[in-house]
Amino acid sequence: MWRIQGIIIDSVYRRKFNGEVLINDGKIAEVIKTEKSIPNQYIMPGFVD
């Protein structure tokens, strides 16, 4: 399992937040909202999934 940290773009609820995307076996396992300092990169989970 690996994780990607960044600014999560939620196109369904039209919001963005700091978070992590956990990936297991090449699929999104979980999206976690966090208050931690994250890299300045944008992530759109499920956009190309």
C-alpha atoms as a PDB file:
ATOM      1  CA  MET A   1       0.000   0.000   0.000  1.00  0.00           C
ATOM      2  CA  TRP A   2       1.277   3.494  -0.755  1.00  0.00           C
ATOM      3  CA  ARG A   3      -0.036   7.001  -0.219  1.00  0.00           C
ATOM      4  CA  ILE A   4      -0.084  10.292  -2.065  1.00  0.00           C
ATOM      5  CA  GLN A   5      -0.396  13.565  -0.143  1.00  0.00           C
ATOM      6  CA  GLY A   6      -1.683  16.828  -1.546  1.00  0.00           C
ATOM      7  CA  ILE A   7      -4.690  19.059  -2.044  1.00  0.00           C
ATOM      8  CA  ILE A   8      -7.644  16.780  -2.794  1.00  0.00           C
ATOM      9  CA  ILE A   9     -10.145  18.075  -5.366  1.00  0.00           C
ATOM     10  CA  ASP A  10     -13.634  16.659  -4.726  1.00  0.00           C
ATOM     11  CA  SER A  11     -15.574  17.346  -7.922  1.00  0.00           C
ATOM     12  CA  VAL A  12     -18.775  15.737  -6.592  1.00  0.00           C
ATOM     13  CA  TYR A  13     -19.164  18.031  -3.554  1.00  0.00           C
ATOM     14  CA  ARG A  14     -17.236  20.937  -5.149  1.00  0.00           C
ATOM     15  CA  ARG A  15     -14.640  21.323  -2.404  1.00  0.00           C
ATOM     16  CA  LYS A  16     -10.901  21.001  -1.849  1.00  0.00           C
ATOM     17  CA  PHE A  17      -9.003  19.955   1.263  1.00  0.00           C
ATOM     18  CA  ASN A  18      -5.591  18.779   2.455  1.00  0.00           C
ATOM     19  CA  GLY A  19      -5.452  15.022   2.479  1.00  0.00           C
ATOM     20  CA  GLU A  20      -3.963  11.678   1.570  1.00  0.00           C
ATOM     21  CA  VAL A  21      -5.046   9.074  -0.955  1.00  0.00           C
ATOM     22  CA  LEU A  22      -4.191   5.492   0.044  1.00  0.00           C
ATOM     23  CA  ILE A  23      -3.650   3.115  -2.879  1.00  0.00           C
ATOM     24  CA  ASN A  24      -3.761  -0.681  -2.571  1.00  0.00           C
ATOM     25  CA  ASP A  25      -3.306  -3.082  -5.513  1.00  0.00           C
ATOM     26  CA  GLY A  26      -3.531  -0.178  -7.969  1.00  0.00           C
ATOM     27  CA  LYS A  27      -6.916   1.024  -6.677  1.00  0.00           C
ATOM     28  CA  ILE A  28      -7.957   3.816  -4.337  1.00  0.00           C
ATOM     29  CA  ALA A  29      -8.467   2.264  -0.909  1.00  0.00           C
ATOM     30  CA  GLU A  30      -9.221   5.411   1.097  1.00  0.00           C
ATOM     31  CA  VAL A  31      -9.217   9.208   0.959  1.00  0.00           C
ATOM     32  CA  ILE A  32      -8.322  10.843   4.281  1.00  0.00           C
ATOM     33  CA  LYS A  33      -8.755  14.503   5.225  1.00  0.00           C
ATOM     34  CA  THR A  34      -5.769  15.784   7.236  1.00  0.00           C
ATOM     35  CA  GLU A  35      -4.519  18.936   8.899  1.00  0.00           C
ATOM     36  CA  LYS A  36      -0.861  17.997   8.323  1.00  0.00           C
ATOM     37  CA  SER A  37       1.429  20.064   6.153  1.00  0.00           C
ATOM     38  CA  ILE A  38       1.239  18.626   2.644  1.00  0.00           C
ATOM     39  CA  PRO A  39       3.067  19.171  -0.657  1.00  0.00           C
ATOM     40  CA  ASN A  40       1.719  21.808  -3.018  1.00  0.00           C
ATOM     41  CA  GLN A  41       0.213  19.359  -5.535  1.00  0.00           C
ATOM     42  CA  TYR A  42      -3.379  18.735  -6.576  1.00  0.00           C
ATOM     43  CA  ILE A  43      -5.006  15.294  -6.638  1.00  0.00           C
ATOM     44  CA  MET A  44      -8.332  14.360  -8.276  1.00  0.00           C
ATOM     45  CA  PRO A  45      -9.079  10.819  -7.031  1.00  0.00           C
ATOM     46  CA  GLY A  46     -11.239   8.816  -9.397  1.00  0.00           C
ATOM     47  CA  PHE A  47     -10.779  11.207 -12.319  1.00  0.00           C
ATOM     48  CA  VAL A  48      -8.614   8.633 -14.112  1.00  0.00           C
ATOM     49  CA  ASP A  49      -9.241   5.525 -12.058  1.00  0.00           C
END
